[in-house]
Amino acid sequence: MARKNTAIQRRDRVRRALRRRSGGRPRLTVFRSSRHIYAQVIDDGQGITVAAASSLEADMRKTLKTGGNKDAAAAVGKSIAERALKAGVTKVVFDRGGSLFHGRVKALADAARESGLSF
């Protein structure tokens, strides 16, 4: 019996490919739940989180109607880009995890690119 292509298997396959092609660049990883979206810039070489942002933060909760839509994802993308640039990171590789690149994940990526991150 063939195994199904689960989100965990897809996530692991995506991360393996990123490690091969990253060239030492930090990884911008995205996690989305039904109610919120989270982003981190992770330096895998040192094993540290350089910057993080989520729709759970107090200032975002005040301005956003909900944390689970494209507007929230765009706000998180802008925020993570600003924090990464402040930490000295300009180039990253985008880790979409097990999610497909559309909807909220794409909105976050587009907002991060517009705010100055290159990937």
PDB file of N, CA and C in Angstrom:
ATOM      1  N   MET A   1       0.840  -1.178   0.000  1.00  0.00           N
ATOM      2  CA  MET A   1       0.000   0.000   0.000  1.00  0.00           C
ATOM      3  C   MET A   1       0.888   1.246   0.000  1.00  0.00           C
ATOM      4  N   ALA A   2       0.598   2.172  -0.873  1.00  0.00           N
ATOM      5  CA  ALA A   2       1.386   3.402  -0.985  1.00  0.00           C
ATOM      6  C   ALA A   2       1.028   4.354   0.159  1.00  0.00           C
ATOM      7  N   ARG A   3       2.046   5.081   0.618  1.00  0.00           N
ATOM      8  CA  ARG A   3       1.810   6.055   1.674  1.00  0.00           C
ATOM      9  C   ARG A   3       1.251   7.333   1.088  1.00  0.00           C
ATOM     10  N   LYS A   4       0.397   7.976   1.825  1.00  0.00           N
ATOM     11  CA  LYS A   4      -0.169   9.237   1.363  1.00  0.00           C
ATOM     12  C   LYS A   4       0.851  10.354   1.563  1.00  0.00           C
ATOM     13  N   ASN A   5       0.752  11.355   0.723  1.00  0.00           N
ATOM     14  CA  ASN A   5       1.632  12.507   0.815  1.00  0.00           C
ATOM     15  C   ASN A   5       1.059  13.478   1.839  1.00  0.00           C
ATOM     16  N   THR A   6       1.429  13.310   3.086  1.00  0.00           N
ATOM     17  CA  THR A   6       0.900  14.146   4.150  1.00  0.00           C
ATOM     18  C   THR A   6       1.638  15.476   4.193  1.00  0.00           C
ATOM     19  N   ALA A   7       1.084  16.411   4.939  1.00  0.00           N
ATOM     20  CA  ALA A   7       1.708  17.723   5.071  1.00  0.00           C
ATOM     21  C   ALA A   7       3.072  17.609   5.737  1.00  0.00           C
ATOM     22  N   ILE A   8       3.233  16.670   6.654  1.00  0.00           N
ATOM     23  CA  ILE A   8       4.524  16.501   7.333  1.00  0.00           C
ATOM     24  C   ILE A   8       5.572  16.006   6.347  1.00  0.00           C
ATOM     25  N   GLN A   9       5.208  15.054   5.498  1.00  0.00           N
ATOM     26  CA  GLN A   9       6.155  14.577   4.491  1.00  0.00           C
ATOM     27  C   GLN A   9       6.495  15.688   3.505  1.00  0.00           C
ATOM     28  N   ARG A  10       5.514  16.484   3.113  1.00  0.00           N
ATOM     29  CA  ARG A  10       5.755  17.590   2.198  1.00  0.00           C
ATOM     30  C   ARG A  10       6.668  18.622   2.850  1.00  0.00           C
ATOM     31  N   ARG A  11       6.425  18.930   4.136  1.00  0.00           N
ATOM     32  CA  ARG A  11       7.258  19.894   4.852  1.00  0.00           C
ATOM     33  C   ARG A  11       8.705  19.423   4.911  1.00  0.00           C
ATOM     34  N   ASP A  12       8.912  18.155   5.232  1.00  0.00           N
ATOM     35  CA  ASP A  12      10.272  17.620   5.313  1.00  0.00           C
ATOM     36  C   ASP A  12      10.963  17.645   3.953  1.00  0.00           C
ATOM     37  N   ARG A  13      10.232  17.347   2.901  1.00  0.00           N
ATOM     38  CA  ARG A  13      10.801  17.365   1.559  1.00  0.00           C
ATOM     39  C   ARG A  13      11.193  18.792   1.157  1.00  0.00           C
ATOM     40  N   VAL A  14      10.353  19.761   1.493  1.00  0.00           N
ATOM     41  CA  VAL A  14      10.644  21.163   1.196  1.00  0.00           C
ATOM     42  C   VAL A  14      11.885  21.618   1.954  1.00  0.00           C
ATOM     43  N   ARG A  15      12.001  21.256   3.227  1.00  0.00           N
ATOM     44  CA  ARG A  15      13.146  21.694   4.028  1.00  0.00           C
ATOM     45  C   ARG A  15      14.442  21.046   3.585  1.00  0.00           C
ATOM     46  N   ARG A  16      14.384  19.780   3.159  1.00  0.00           N
ATOM     47  CA  ARG A  16      15.588  19.128   2.626  1.00  0.00           C
ATOM     48  C   ARG A  16      16.086  19.866   1.385  1.00  0.00           C
ATOM     49  N   ALA A  17      15.177  20.225   0.508  1.00  0.00           N
ATOM     50  CA  ALA A  17      15.553  20.950  -0.704  1.00  0.00           C
ATOM     51  C   ALA A  17      16.110  22.327  -0.363  1.00  0.00           C
ATOM     52  N   LEU A  18      15.544  22.981   0.633  1.00  0.00           N
ATOM     53  CA  LEU A  18      16.035  24.299   1.041  1.00  0.00           C
ATOM     54  C   LEU A  18      17.451  24.224   1.590  1.00  0.00           C
ATOM     55  N   ARG A  19      17.744  23.212   2.382  1.00  0.00           N
ATOM     56  CA  ARG A  19      19.092  23.065   2.942  1.00  0.00           C
ATOM     57  C   ARG A  19      20.131  22.913   1.837  1.00  0.00           C
ATOM     58  N   ARG A  20      19.763  22.165   0.781  1.00  0.00           N
ATOM     59  CA  ARG A  20      20.699  21.964  -0.320  1.00  0.00           C
ATOM     60  C   ARG A  20      20.954  23.255  -1.089  1.00  0.00           C
ATOM     61  N   ARG A  21      19.929  24.075  -1.242  1.00  0.00           N
ATOM     62  CA  ARG A  21      20.038  25.266  -2.085  1.00  0.00           C
ATOM     63  C   ARG A  21      20.226  26.565  -1.324  1.00  0.00           C
ATOM     64  N   SER A  22      20.277  26.537  -0.021  1.00  0.00           N
ATOM     65  CA  SER A  22      20.269  27.778   0.748  1.00  0.00           C
ATOM     66  C   SER A  22      21.562  28.569   0.646  1.00  0.00           C
ATOM     67  N   GLY A  23      22.687  27.904   0.520  1.00  0.00           N
ATOM     68  CA  GLY A  23      23.954  28.628   0.454  1.00  0.00           C
ATOM     69  C   GLY A  23      24.286  29.361   1.737  1.00  0.00           C
ATOM     70  N   GLY A  24      23.804  28.874   2.867  1.00  0.00           N
ATOM     71  CA  GLY A  24      24.105  29.492   4.156  1.00  0.00           C
ATOM     72  C   GLY A  24      23.197  30.651   4.523  1.00  0.00           C
ATOM     73  N   ARG A  25      22.223  30.951   3.698  1.00  0.00           N
ATOM     74  CA  ARG A  25      21.306  32.049   4.010  1.00  0.00           C
ATOM     75  C   ARG A  25      20.322  31.627   5.100  1.00  0.00           C
ATOM     76  N   PRO A  26      19.859  32.570   5.904  1.00  0.00           N
ATOM     77  CA  PRO A  26      18.836  32.253   6.902  1.00  0.00           C
ATOM     78  C   PRO A  26      17.533  31.843   6.219  1.00  0.00           C
ATOM     79  N   ARG A  27      16.680  31.190   6.971  1.00  0.00           N
ATOM     80  CA  ARG A  27      15.434  30.634   6.449  1.00  0.00           C
ATOM     81  C   ARG A  27      14.254  31.411   7.025  1.00  0.00           C
ATOM     82  N   LEU A  28      13.386  31.925   6.142  1.00  0.00           N
ATOM     83  CA  LEU A  28      12.143  32.563   6.559  1.00  0.00           C
ATOM     84  C   LEU A  28      11.065  31.491   6.537  1.00  0.00           C
ATOM     85  N   THR A  29      10.643  31.062   7.709  1.00  0.00           N
ATOM     86  CA  THR A  29       9.688  29.978   7.808  1.00  0.00           C
ATOM     87  C   THR A  29       8.322  30.513   8.235  1.00  0.00           C
ATOM     88  N   VAL A  30       7.283  29.889   7.687  1.00  0.00           N
ATOM     89  CA  VAL A  30       5.914  30.327   7.927  1.00  0.00           C
ATOM     90  C   VAL A  30       5.107  29.174   8.500  1.00  0.00           C
ATOM     91  N   PHE A  31       4.339  29.468   9.529  1.00  0.00           N
ATOM     92  CA  PHE A  31       3.375  28.508  10.063  1.00  0.00           C
ATOM     93  C   PHE A  31       2.026  29.207  10.106  1.00  0.00           C
ATOM     94  N   ARG A  32       1.020  28.538   9.604  1.00  0.00           N
ATOM     95  CA  ARG A  32      -0.317  29.123   9.646  1.00  0.00           C
ATOM     96  C   ARG A  32      -1.261  28.153  10.336  1.00  0.00           C
ATOM     97  N   SER A  33      -2.056  28.700  11.217  1.00  0.00           N
ATOM     98  CA  SER A  33      -3.136  27.935  11.816  1.00  0.00           C
ATOM     99  C   SER A  33      -4.433  28.504  11.264  1.00  0.00           C
ATOM    100  N   SER A  34      -5.544  27.996  11.710  1.00  0.00           N
ATOM    101  CA  SER A  34      -6.807  28.509  11.193  1.00  0.00           C
ATOM    102  C   SER A  34      -7.096  29.925  11.682  1.00  0.00           C
ATOM    103  N   ARG A  35      -6.507  30.303  12.807  1.00  0.00           N
ATOM    104  CA  ARG A  35      -6.808  31.615  13.391  1.00  0.00           C
ATOM    105  C   ARG A  35      -5.671  32.619  13.324  1.00  0.00           C
ATOM    106  N   HIS A  36      -4.421  32.168  13.129  1.00  0.00           N
ATOM    107  CA  HIS A  36      -3.276  33.077  13.155  1.00  0.00           C
ATOM    108  C   HIS A  36      -2.227  32.635  12.160  1.00  0.00           C
ATOM    109  N   ILE A  37      -1.223  33.513  11.956  1.00  0.00           N
ATOM    110  CA  ILE A  37      -0.085  33.185  11.104  1.00  0.00           C
ATOM    111  C   ILE A  37       1.180  33.666  11.811  1.00  0.00           C
ATOM    112  N   TYR A  38       2.235  32.882  11.677  1.00  0.00           N
ATOM    113  CA  TYR A  38       3.492  33.133  12.376  1.00  0.00           C
ATOM    114  C   TYR A  38       4.634  33.077  11.363  1.00  0.00           C
ATOM    115  N   ALA A  39       5.679  33.875  11.592  1.00  0.00           N
ATOM    116  CA  ALA A  39       6.852  33.849  10.716  1.00  0.00           C
ATOM    117  C   ALA A  39       8.099  34.022  11.575  1.00  0.00           C
ATOM    118  N   GLN A  40       9.160  33.320  11.174  1.00  0.00           N
ATOM    119  CA  GLN A  40      10.446  33.430  11.858  1.00  0.00           C
ATOM    120  C   GLN A  40      11.555  33.444  10.820  1.00  0.00           C
ATOM    121  N   VAL A  41      12.614  34.188  11.107  1.00  0.00           N
ATOM    122  CA  VAL A  41      13.839  34.108  10.332  1.00  0.00           C
ATOM    123  C   VAL A  41      14.824  33.344  11.200  1.00  0.00           C
ATOM    124  N   ILE A  42      15.251  32.172  10.718  1.00  0.00           N
ATOM    125  CA  ILE A  42      16.077  31.260  11.497  1.00  0.00           C
ATOM    126  C   ILE A  42      17.423  31.089  10.822  1.00  0.00           C
ATOM    127  N   ASP A  43      18.491  31.247  11.595  1.00  0.00           N
ATOM    128  CA  ASP A  43      19.838  30.958  11.108  1.00  0.00           C
ATOM    129  C   ASP A  43      20.160  29.532  11.524  1.00  0.00           C
ATOM    130  N   ASP A  44      20.070  28.604  10.580  1.00  0.00           N
ATOM    131  CA  ASP A  44      20.277  27.195  10.895  1.00  0.00           C
ATOM    132  C   ASP A  44      21.733  26.890  11.236  1.00  0.00           C
ATOM    133  N   GLY A  45      22.664  27.670  10.725  1.00  0.00           N
ATOM    134  CA  GLY A  45      24.075  27.448  11.021  1.00  0.00           C
ATOM    135  C   GLY A  45      24.388  27.648  12.494  1.00  0.00           C
ATOM    136  N   GLN A  46      23.818  28.688  13.076  1.00  0.00           N
ATOM    137  CA  GLN A  46      24.038  28.978  14.492  1.00  0.00           C
ATOM    138  C   GLN A  46      22.936  28.405  15.367  1.00  0.00           C
ATOM    139  N   GLY A  47      21.806  28.047  14.753  1.00  0.00           N
ATOM    140  CA  GLY A  47      20.703  27.492  15.528  1.00  0.00           C
ATOM    141  C   GLY A  47      19.947  28.522  16.336  1.00  0.00           C
ATOM    142  N   ILE A  48      19.813  29.740  15.791  1.00  0.00           N
ATOM    143  CA  ILE A  48      19.113  30.801  16.521  1.00  0.00           C
ATOM    144  C   ILE A  48      18.008  31.402  15.657  1.00  0.00           C
ATOM    145  N   THR A  49      17.028  31.973  16.324  1.00  0.00           N
ATOM    146  CA  THR A  49      15.978  32.725  15.658  1.00  0.00           C
ATOM    147  C   THR A  49      16.416  34.187  15.632  1.00  0.00           C
ATOM    148  N   VAL A  50      16.551  34.729  14.440  1.00  0.00           N
ATOM    149  CA  VAL A  50      17.022  36.103  14.264  1.00  0.00           C
ATOM    150  C   VAL A  50      15.881  37.090  14.472  1.00  0.00           C
ATOM    151  N   ALA A  51      14.704  36.777  13.922  1.00  0.00           N
ATOM    152  CA  ALA A  51      13.541  37.661  14.046  1.00  0.00           C
ATOM    153  C   ALA A  51      12.276  36.813  14.021  1.00  0.00           C
ATOM    154  N   ALA A  52      11.237  37.325  14.653  1.00  0.00           N
ATOM    155  CA  ALA A  52       9.961  36.617  14.676  1.00  0.00           C
ATOM    156  C   ALA A  52       8.824  37.625  14.679  1.00  0.00           C
ATOM    157  N   ALA A  53       7.706  37.219  14.090  1.00  0.00           N
ATOM    158  CA  ALA A  53       6.497  38.052  14.093  1.00  0.00           C
ATOM    159  C   ALA A  53       5.288  37.135  13.981  1.00  0.00           C
ATOM    160  N   SER A  54       4.175  37.574  14.532  1.00  0.00           N
ATOM    161  CA  SER A  54       2.951  36.789  14.422  1.00  0.00           C
ATOM    162  C   SER A  54       1.740  37.701  14.538  1.00  0.00           C
ATOM    163  N   SER A  55       0.605  37.164  14.162  1.00  0.00           N
ATOM    164  CA  SER A  55      -0.635  37.931  14.265  1.00  0.00           C
ATOM    165  C   SER A  55      -1.167  37.940  15.696  1.00  0.00           C
ATOM    166  N   LEU A  56      -0.474  37.308  16.617  1.00  0.00           N
ATOM    167  CA  LEU A  56      -0.872  37.306  18.022  1.00  0.00           C
ATOM    168  C   LEU A  56      -0.336  38.501  18.806  1.00  0.00           C
ATOM    169  N   GLU A  57       0.572  39.256  18.220  1.00  0.00           N
ATOM    170  CA  GLU A  57       1.183  40.378  18.929  1.00  0.00           C
ATOM    171  C   GLU A  57       0.138  41.444  19.235  1.00  0.00           C
ATOM    172  N   ALA A  58       0.354  42.160  20.320  1.00  0.00           N
ATOM    173  CA  ALA A  58      -0.645  43.105  20.812  1.00  0.00           C
ATOM    174  C   ALA A  58      -0.965  44.198  19.791  1.00  0.00           C
ATOM    175  N   ASP A  59       0.055  44.772  19.153  1.00  0.00           N
ATOM    176  CA  ASP A  59      -0.217  45.844  18.202  1.00  0.00           C
ATOM    177  C   ASP A  59      -0.966  45.336  16.968  1.00  0.00           C
ATOM    178  N   MET A  60      -0.703  44.103  16.576  1.00  0.00           N
ATOM    179  CA  MET A  60      -1.426  43.534  15.432  1.00  0.00           C
ATOM    180  C   MET A  60      -2.876  43.217  15.800  1.00  0.00           C
ATOM    181  N   ARG A  61      -3.082  42.743  17.002  1.00  0.00           N
ATOM    182  CA  ARG A  61      -4.448  42.385  17.421  1.00  0.00           C
ATOM    183  C   ARG A  61      -5.336  43.618  17.496  1.00  0.00           C
ATOM    184  N   LYS A  62      -4.719  44.774  17.805  1.00  0.00           N
ATOM    185  CA  LYS A  62      -5.497  46.008  17.881  1.00  0.00           C
ATOM    186  C   LYS A  62      -5.918  46.485  16.495  1.00  0.00           C
ATOM    187  N   THR A  63      -5.044  46.322  15.511  1.00  0.00           N
ATOM    188  CA  THR A  63      -5.319  46.868  14.185  1.00  0.00           C
ATOM    189  C   THR A  63      -6.037  45.901  13.263  1.00  0.00           C
ATOM    190  N   LEU A  64      -5.898  44.601  13.483  1.00  0.00           N
ATOM    191  CA  LEU A  64      -6.480  43.613  12.583  1.00  0.00           C
ATOM    192  C   LEU A  64      -7.815  43.102  13.106  1.00  0.00           C
ATOM    193  N   LYS A  65      -8.712  42.825  12.183  1.00  0.00           N
ATOM    194  CA  LYS A  65     -10.005  42.261  12.569  1.00  0.00           C
ATOM    195  C   LYS A  65      -9.842  40.818  13.034  1.00  0.00           C
ATOM    196  N   THR A  66      -9.046  40.047  12.285  1.00  0.00           N
ATOM    197  CA  THR A  66      -8.766  38.653  12.624  1.00  0.00           C
ATOM    198  C   THR A  66      -7.333  38.338  12.219  1.00  0.00           C
ATOM    199  N   GLY A  67      -6.774  37.317  12.807  1.00  0.00           N
ATOM    200  CA  GLY A  67      -5.403  36.936  12.486  1.00  0.00           C
ATOM    201  C   GLY A  67      -5.307  35.876  11.418  1.00  0.00           C
ATOM    202  N   GLY A  68      -6.434  35.446  10.874  1.00  0.00           N
ATOM    203  CA  GLY A  68      -6.423  34.335   9.941  1.00  0.00           C
ATOM    204  C   GLY A  68      -6.819  34.694   8.525  1.00  0.00           C
ATOM    205  N   ASN A  69      -6.484  35.904   8.063  1.00  0.00           N
ATOM    206  CA  ASN A  69      -6.811  36.274   6.691  1.00  0.00           C
ATOM    207  C   ASN A  69      -5.596  36.868   5.983  1.00  0.00           C
ATOM    208  N   LYS A  70      -5.758  37.246   4.728  1.00  0.00           N
ATOM    209  CA  LYS A  70      -4.638  37.763   3.939  1.00  0.00           C
ATOM    210  C   LYS A  70      -4.121  39.096   4.471  1.00  0.00           C
ATOM    211  N   ASP A  71      -4.996  39.925   5.017  1.00  0.00           N
ATOM    212  CA  ASP A  71      -4.558  41.208   5.570  1.00  0.00           C
ATOM    213  C   ASP A  71      -3.610  40.987   6.742  1.00  0.00           C
ATOM    214  N   ALA A  72      -3.927  40.039   7.595  1.00  0.00           N
ATOM    215  CA  ALA A  72      -3.063  39.719   8.726  1.00  0.00           C
ATOM    216  C   ALA A  72      -1.732  39.157   8.231  1.00  0.00           C
ATOM    217  N   ALA A  73      -1.784  38.303   7.217  1.00  0.00           N
ATOM    218  CA  ALA A  73      -0.563  37.727   6.672  1.00  0.00           C
ATOM    219  C   ALA A  73       0.334  38.808   6.085  1.00  0.00           C
ATOM    220  N   ALA A  74      -0.256  39.780   5.396  1.00  0.00           N
ATOM    221  CA  ALA A  74       0.535  40.870   4.829  1.00  0.00           C
ATOM    222  C   ALA A  74       1.168  41.722   5.937  1.00  0.00           C
ATOM    223  N   ALA A  75       0.428  41.963   7.001  1.00  0.00           N
ATOM    224  CA  ALA A  75       0.978  42.741   8.122  1.00  0.00           C
ATOM    225  C   ALA A  75       2.134  41.999   8.790  1.00  0.00           C
ATOM    226  N   VAL A  76       2.000  40.692   8.954  1.00  0.00           N
ATOM    227  CA  VAL A  76       3.077  39.890   9.540  1.00  0.00           C
ATOM    228  C   VAL A  76       4.285  39.874   8.603  1.00  0.00           C
ATOM    229  N   GLY A  77       4.058  39.780   7.301  1.00  0.00           N
ATOM    230  CA  GLY A  77       5.157  39.813   6.337  1.00  0.00           C
ATOM    231  C   GLY A  77       5.932  41.115   6.389  1.00  0.00           C
ATOM    232  N   LYS A  78       5.226  42.216   6.485  1.00  0.00           N
ATOM    233  CA  LYS A  78       5.884  43.517   6.588  1.00  0.00           C
ATOM    234  C   LYS A  78       6.680  43.619   7.888  1.00  0.00           C
ATOM    235  N   SER A  79       6.092  43.148   8.968  1.00  0.00           N
ATOM    236  CA  SER A  79       6.741  43.204  10.271  1.00  0.00           C
ATOM    237  C   SER A  79       8.002  42.340  10.320  1.00  0.00           C
ATOM    238  N   ILE A  80       7.929  41.122   9.778  1.00  0.00           N
ATOM    239  CA  ILE A  80       9.096  40.237   9.815  1.00  0.00           C
ATOM    240  C   ILE A  80      10.213  40.793   8.952  1.00  0.00           C
ATOM    241  N   ALA A  81       9.879  41.414   7.845  1.00  0.00           N
ATOM    242  CA  ALA A  81      10.899  41.998   6.980  1.00  0.00           C
ATOM    243  C   ALA A  81      11.605  43.156   7.679  1.00  0.00           C
ATOM    244  N   GLU A  82      10.843  44.010   8.333  1.00  0.00           N
ATOM    245  CA  GLU A  82      11.439  45.135   9.052  1.00  0.00           C
ATOM    246  C   GLU A  82      12.369  44.653  10.159  1.00  0.00           C
ATOM    247  N   ARG A  83      11.943  43.638  10.893  1.00  0.00           N
ATOM    248  CA  ARG A  83      12.768  43.121  11.992  1.00  0.00           C
ATOM    249  C   ARG A  83      14.012  42.407  11.477  1.00  0.00           C
ATOM    250  N   ALA A  84      13.885  41.686  10.384  1.00  0.00           N
ATOM    251  CA  ALA A  84      15.045  41.000   9.811  1.00  0.00           C
ATOM    252  C   ALA A  84      16.056  42.013   9.282  1.00  0.00           C
ATOM    253  N   LEU A  85      15.581  43.048   8.608  1.00  0.00           N
ATOM    254  CA  LEU A  85      16.488  44.077   8.098  1.00  0.00           C
ATOM    255  C   LEU A  85      17.187  44.799   9.248  1.00  0.00           C
ATOM    256  N   LYS A  86      16.468  45.025  10.331  1.00  0.00           N
ATOM    257  CA  LYS A  86      17.055  45.659  11.518  1.00  0.00           C
ATOM    258  C   LYS A  86      18.147  44.775  12.120  1.00  0.00           C
ATOM    259  N   ALA A  87      17.976  43.444  12.004  1.00  0.00           N
ATOM    260  CA  ALA A  87      18.969  42.498  12.525  1.00  0.00           C
ATOM    261  C   ALA A  87      20.110  42.258  11.532  1.00  0.00           C
ATOM    262  N   GLY A  88      20.042  42.881  10.355  1.00  0.00           N
ATOM    263  CA  GLY A  88      21.119  42.758   9.386  1.00  0.00           C
ATOM    264  C   GLY A  88      20.941  41.640   8.368  1.00  0.00           C
ATOM    265  N   VAL A  89      19.757  41.091   8.254  1.00  0.00           N
ATOM    266  CA  VAL A  89      19.485  40.020   7.293  1.00  0.00           C
ATOM    267  C   VAL A  89      18.747  40.620   6.104  1.00  0.00           C
ATOM    268  N   THR A  90      19.317  40.464   4.899  1.00  0.00           N
ATOM    269  CA  THR A  90      18.660  40.986   3.709  1.00  0.00           C
ATOM    270  C   THR A  90      18.230  39.880   2.749  1.00  0.00           C
ATOM    271  N   LYS A  91      18.958  38.755   2.749  1.00  0.00           N
ATOM    272  CA  LYS A  91      18.644  37.646   1.852  1.00  0.00           C
ATOM    273  C   LYS A  91      18.279  36.419   2.673  1.00  0.00           C
ATOM    274  N   VAL A  92      17.168  35.806   2.320  1.00  0.00           N
ATOM    275  CA  VAL A  92      16.695  34.606   3.010  1.00  0.00           C
ATOM    276  C   VAL A  92      16.231  33.589   1.971  1.00  0.00           C
ATOM    277  N   VAL A  93      15.999  32.372   2.432  1.00  0.00           N
ATOM    278  CA  VAL A  93      15.288  31.378   1.625  1.00  0.00           C
ATOM    279  C   VAL A  93      13.914  31.214   2.265  1.00  0.00           C
ATOM    280  N   PHE A  94      12.897  31.057   1.444  1.00  0.00           N
ATOM    281  CA  PHE A  94      11.521  31.010   1.938  1.00  0.00           C
ATOM    282  C   PHE A  94      11.105  29.573   2.181  1.00  0.00           C
ATOM    283  N   ASP A  95      10.747  29.272   3.419  1.00  0.00           N
ATOM    284  CA  ASP A  95      10.301  27.940   3.818  1.00  0.00           C
ATOM    285  C   ASP A  95       8.796  28.000   4.062  1.00  0.00           C
ATOM    286  N   ARG A  96       8.038  27.489   3.122  1.00  0.00           N
ATOM    287  CA  ARG A  96       6.589  27.518   3.236  1.00  0.00           C
ATOM    288  C   ARG A  96       6.066  26.390   4.096  1.00  0.00           C
ATOM    289  N   GLY A  97       6.956  25.527   4.601  1.00  0.00           N
ATOM    290  CA  GLY A  97       6.547  24.404   5.416  1.00  0.00           C
ATOM    291  C   GLY A  97       5.765  23.416   4.585  1.00  0.00           C
ATOM    292  N   GLY A  98       4.685  22.921   5.087  1.00  0.00           N
ATOM    293  CA  GLY A  98       3.860  21.992   4.344  1.00  0.00           C
ATOM    294  C   GLY A  98       2.755  22.674   3.575  1.00  0.00           C
ATOM    295  N   SER A  99       2.688  23.995   3.647  1.00  0.00           N
ATOM    296  CA  SER A  99       1.609  24.733   3.014  1.00  0.00           C
ATOM    297  C   SER A  99       1.908  24.996   1.545  1.00  0.00           C
ATOM    298  N   LEU A 100       0.873  25.076   0.754  1.00  0.00           N
ATOM    299  CA  LEU A 100       1.031  25.448  -0.638  1.00  0.00           C
ATOM    300  C   LEU A 100       1.248  26.952  -0.734  1.00  0.00           C
ATOM    301  N   PHE A 101       1.917  27.390  -1.807  1.00  0.00           N
ATOM    302  CA  PHE A 101       2.258  28.800  -1.960  1.00  0.00           C
ATOM    303  C   PHE A 101       1.091  29.538  -2.629  1.00  0.00           C
ATOM    304  N   HIS A 102       0.077  29.813  -1.858  1.00  0.00           N
ATOM    305  CA  HIS A 102      -1.040  30.629  -2.311  1.00  0.00           C
ATOM    306  C   HIS A 102      -1.767  31.144  -1.092  1.00  0.00           C
ATOM    307  N   GLY A 103      -2.659  32.075  -1.292  1.00  0.00           N
ATOM    308  CA  GLY A 103      -3.449  32.599  -0.190  1.00  0.00           C
ATOM    309  C   GLY A 103      -2.618  33.365   0.822  1.00  0.00           C
ATOM    310  N   ARG A 104      -2.749  32.981   2.085  1.00  0.00           N
ATOM    311  CA  ARG A 104      -2.070  33.712   3.164  1.00  0.00           C
ATOM    312  C   ARG A 104      -0.557  33.586   3.084  1.00  0.00           C
ATOM    313  N   VAL A 105      -0.058  32.427   2.692  1.00  0.00           N
ATOM    314  CA  VAL A 105       1.394  32.235   2.596  1.00  0.00           C
ATOM    315  C   VAL A 105       1.964  33.146   1.511  1.00  0.00           C
ATOM    316  N   LYS A 106       1.301  33.235   0.389  1.00  0.00           N
ATOM    317  CA  LYS A 106       1.747  34.100  -0.704  1.00  0.00           C
ATOM    318  C   LYS A 106       1.645  35.574  -0.304  1.00  0.00           C
ATOM    319  N   ALA A 107       0.586  35.953   0.410  1.00  0.00           N
ATOM    320  CA  ALA A 107       0.424  37.336   0.864  1.00  0.00           C
ATOM    321  C   ALA A 107       1.556  37.730   1.802  1.00  0.00           C
ATOM    322  N   LEU A 108       1.944  36.839   2.699  1.00  0.00           N
ATOM    323  CA  LEU A 108       3.052  37.101   3.612  1.00  0.00           C
ATOM    324  C   LEU A 108       4.348  37.268   2.824  1.00  0.00           C
ATOM    325  N   ALA A 109       4.601  36.385   1.873  1.00  0.00           N
ATOM    326  CA  ALA A 109       5.831  36.447   1.082  1.00  0.00           C
ATOM    327  C   ALA A 109       5.894  37.731   0.258  1.00  0.00           C
ATOM    328  N   ASP A 110       4.793  38.102  -0.370  1.00  0.00           N
ATOM    329  CA  ASP A 110       4.772  39.321  -1.176  1.00  0.00           C
ATOM    330  C   ASP A 110       5.022  40.559  -0.325  1.00  0.00           C
ATOM    331  N   ALA A 111       4.434  40.611   0.856  1.00  0.00           N
ATOM    332  CA  ALA A 111       4.623  41.760   1.751  1.00  0.00           C
ATOM    333  C   ALA A 111       6.068  41.826   2.233  1.00  0.00           C
ATOM    334  N   ALA A 112       6.678  40.684   2.506  1.00  0.00           N
ATOM    335  CA  ALA A 112       8.081  40.669   2.950  1.00  0.00           C
ATOM    336  C   ALA A 112       8.990  41.150   1.828  1.00  0.00           C
ATOM    337  N   ARG A 113       8.704  40.734   0.593  1.00  0.00           N
ATOM    338  CA  ARG A 113       9.511  41.185  -0.549  1.00  0.00           C
ATOM    339  C   ARG A 113       9.380  42.690  -0.751  1.00  0.00           C
ATOM    340  N   GLU A 114       8.167  43.195  -0.662  1.00  0.00           N
ATOM    341  CA  GLU A 114       7.931  44.638  -0.843  1.00  0.00           C
ATOM    342  C   GLU A 114       8.618  45.451   0.238  1.00  0.00           C
ATOM    343  N   SER A 115       8.794  44.870   1.414  1.00  0.00           N
ATOM    344  CA  SER A 115       9.411  45.582   2.528  1.00  0.00           C
ATOM    345  C   SER A 115      10.930  45.476   2.545  1.00  0.00           C
ATOM    346  N   GLY A 116      11.513  44.761   1.576  1.00  0.00           N
ATOM    347  CA  GLY A 116      12.968  44.788   1.461  1.00  0.00           C
ATOM    348  C   GLY A 116      13.695  43.466   1.554  1.00  0.00           C
ATOM    349  N   LEU A 117      13.055  42.387   1.951  1.00  0.00           N
ATOM    350  CA  LEU A 117      13.719  41.096   1.978  1.00  0.00           C
ATOM    351  C   LEU A 117      13.812  40.536   0.555  1.00  0.00           C
ATOM    352  N   SER A 118      14.911  39.883   0.248  1.00  0.00           N
ATOM    353  CA  SER A 118      15.017  39.272  -1.071  1.00  0.00           C
ATOM    354  C   SER A 118      15.119  37.762  -0.922  1.00  0.00           C
ATOM    355  N   PHE A 119      14.304  37.068  -1.691  1.00  0.00           N
ATOM    356  CA  PHE A 119      14.316  35.619  -1.761  1.00  0.00           C
ATOM    357  C   PHE A 119      13.659  35.186  -3.047  1.00  0.00           C
TER     358      PHE A 119
END
